[in-house]
Amino acid sequence: MMDTKLKAVARTMLDAFGGDFPDWIRTEADPLQDAINAQPSKPYHVLVLVNGSPGCKWAVEFGDCDETTVKQEFADMRDRGWKRRELKIITTGDTQAEIDAAVAELNKDL
C-alpha cells in the first residue's frame, strides 16, 4: 500500500494533469516508497594522515565500510613508522562529497 506522503505527491501530480492513478504508479509504488524510506548512506571509515601541504594538514589515505579493515590499515601504517598523532580514523557517509567535506572540516582552521 502506498505511503501517505507518496500518495499525496502522486495525487497532487495527477490532479495537476487530471486523471486517476495509472497502473505504472501502482506498480512502482513499493520501489518508490523503499527509495523514499532508504536509510542515509552507510557509515564509511576513513584513515587520514598528516599530509603537510600548506592548508591541507590531513589527507585521505584509505577508506572502507568495514571499520576493522581500516583499523588494520592504521596498525600497518604505525608498523611502517607513522606516529599515532599523524594518523586519525574518521567516520563519514560513503559518498565522495561526504568524505571530502569531513576532511575539509579537519583542515578548516589551518
Protein backbone atom coordinates (compact mmCIF):
# COMPACT_ATOMS: atom_id res chain seq x y z
CA MET A 1 0.00 0.00 0.00
CA MET A 2 1.25 3.46 -0.80
CA ASP A 3 2.61 5.58 2.00
CA THR A 4 0.61 8.75 2.60
CA LYS A 5 3.48 11.06 1.52
CA LEU A 6 3.94 9.23 -1.77
CA LYS A 7 0.18 9.04 -2.30
CA ALA A 8 -0.19 12.76 -1.61
CA VAL A 9 2.58 13.63 -4.06
CA ALA A 10 1.12 11.33 -6.70
CA ARG A 11 -2.35 12.74 -6.11
CA THR A 12 -1.05 16.31 -6.47
CA MET A 13 0.71 15.43 -9.71
CA LEU A 14 -2.34 13.67 -11.10
CA ASP A 15 -4.67 16.48 -10.02
CA ALA A 16 -2.44 18.93 -11.85
CA PHE A 17 -2.89 16.96 -15.06
CA GLY A 18 -6.29 15.38 -14.34
CA GLY A 19 -6.95 11.67 -14.14
CA ASP A 20 -6.67 8.78 -11.75
CA PHE A 21 -3.73 6.69 -10.55
CA PRO A 22 -2.36 4.93 -13.63
CA ASP A 23 -1.18 1.32 -13.35
CA TRP A 24 2.50 2.31 -13.51
CA ILE A 25 2.15 4.27 -10.26
CA ARG A 26 0.56 1.28 -8.55
CA THR A 27 3.30 -0.99 -9.93
CA GLU A 28 6.10 1.35 -8.92
CA ALA A 29 4.66 2.40 -5.55
CA ASP A 30 6.60 -0.11 -3.42
CA PRO A 31 10.02 0.52 -5.04
CA LEU A 32 9.42 4.27 -4.87
CA GLN A 33 8.45 4.04 -1.23
CA ASP A 34 11.52 1.92 -0.49
CA ALA A 35 13.68 4.61 -2.08
CA ILE A 36 11.96 7.31 0.00
CA ASN A 37 12.42 5.29 3.19
CA ALA A 38 16.02 4.29 2.39
CA GLN A 39 18.47 4.90 5.14
CA PRO A 40 21.06 7.60 4.60
CA SER A 41 24.41 6.46 3.32
CA LYS A 42 26.09 3.85 5.48
CA PRO A 43 28.99 4.78 7.74
CA TYR A 44 32.33 4.85 5.99
CA HIS A 45 35.57 4.79 7.90
CA VAL A 46 38.47 6.81 6.55
CA LEU A 47 42.09 6.75 7.61
CA VAL A 48 43.58 10.20 7.23
CA LEU A 49 47.22 11.07 7.64
CA VAL A 50 49.32 14.16 8.04
CA ASN A 51 49.88 15.44 4.52
CA GLY A 52 51.91 18.50 5.38
CA SER A 53 50.80 20.53 2.37
CA PRO A 54 50.07 24.18 3.16
CA GLY A 55 46.42 24.46 4.18
CA CYS A 56 45.96 20.70 3.99
CA LYS A 57 47.30 19.01 7.08
CA TRP A 58 45.04 15.96 6.75
CA ALA A 59 44.59 13.87 3.61
CA VAL A 60 42.78 10.60 2.88
CA GLU A 61 45.00 7.54 2.90
CA PHE A 62 42.50 4.67 2.98
CA GLY A 63 38.78 4.04 3.43
CA ASP A 64 36.38 1.14 3.80
CA CYS A 65 32.91 0.38 5.13
CA ASP A 66 34.46 -2.22 7.43
CA GLU A 67 35.93 -0.47 10.46
CA THR A 68 38.13 -3.45 11.31
CA THR A 69 39.81 -3.23 7.89
CA VAL A 70 40.54 0.48 8.43
CA LYS A 71 41.91 -0.21 11.91
CA GLN A 72 44.20 -2.86 10.41
CA GLU A 73 45.46 -0.32 7.86
CA PHE A 74 46.05 2.11 10.76
CA ALA A 75 48.13 -0.57 12.53
CA ASP A 76 50.06 -1.30 9.33
CA MET A 77 50.86 2.41 8.94
CA ARG A 78 52.09 2.50 12.55
CA ASP A 79 54.30 -0.52 11.82
CA ARG A 80 55.76 1.39 8.85
CA GLY A 81 56.84 4.23 11.15
CA TRP A 82 53.91 6.68 11.18
CA LYS A 83 53.32 8.25 14.60
CA ARG A 84 49.90 7.94 16.23
CA ARG A 85 49.44 11.73 16.14
CA GLU A 86 49.97 11.64 12.36
CA LEU A 87 47.06 9.25 11.79
CA LYS A 88 43.37 9.50 12.51
CA ILE A 89 40.29 7.43 11.70
CA ILE A 90 37.14 9.38 11.00
CA THR A 91 33.64 8.19 10.14
CA THR A 92 31.74 9.79 7.28
CA GLY A 93 28.99 8.96 4.82
CA ASP A 94 30.03 6.79 1.89
CA THR A 95 29.88 9.40 -0.88
CA GLN A 96 32.98 11.22 -2.07
CA ALA A 97 31.32 14.56 -1.26
CA GLU A 98 30.77 13.49 2.36
CA ILE A 99 34.36 12.26 2.68
CA ASP A 100 35.74 15.48 1.15
CA ALA A 101 33.58 17.59 3.48
CA ALA A 102 34.79 15.70 6.56
CA VAL A 103 38.46 16.14 5.58
CA ALA A 104 37.86 19.81 4.78
CA GLU A 105 36.36 20.20 8.26
CA LEU A 106 39.56 18.80 9.78
CA ASN A 107 41.64 21.24 7.72
CA LYS A 108 39.42 24.32 8.09
CA ASP A 109 41.44 26.06 10.81
CA LEU A 110 44.82 25.70 9.14
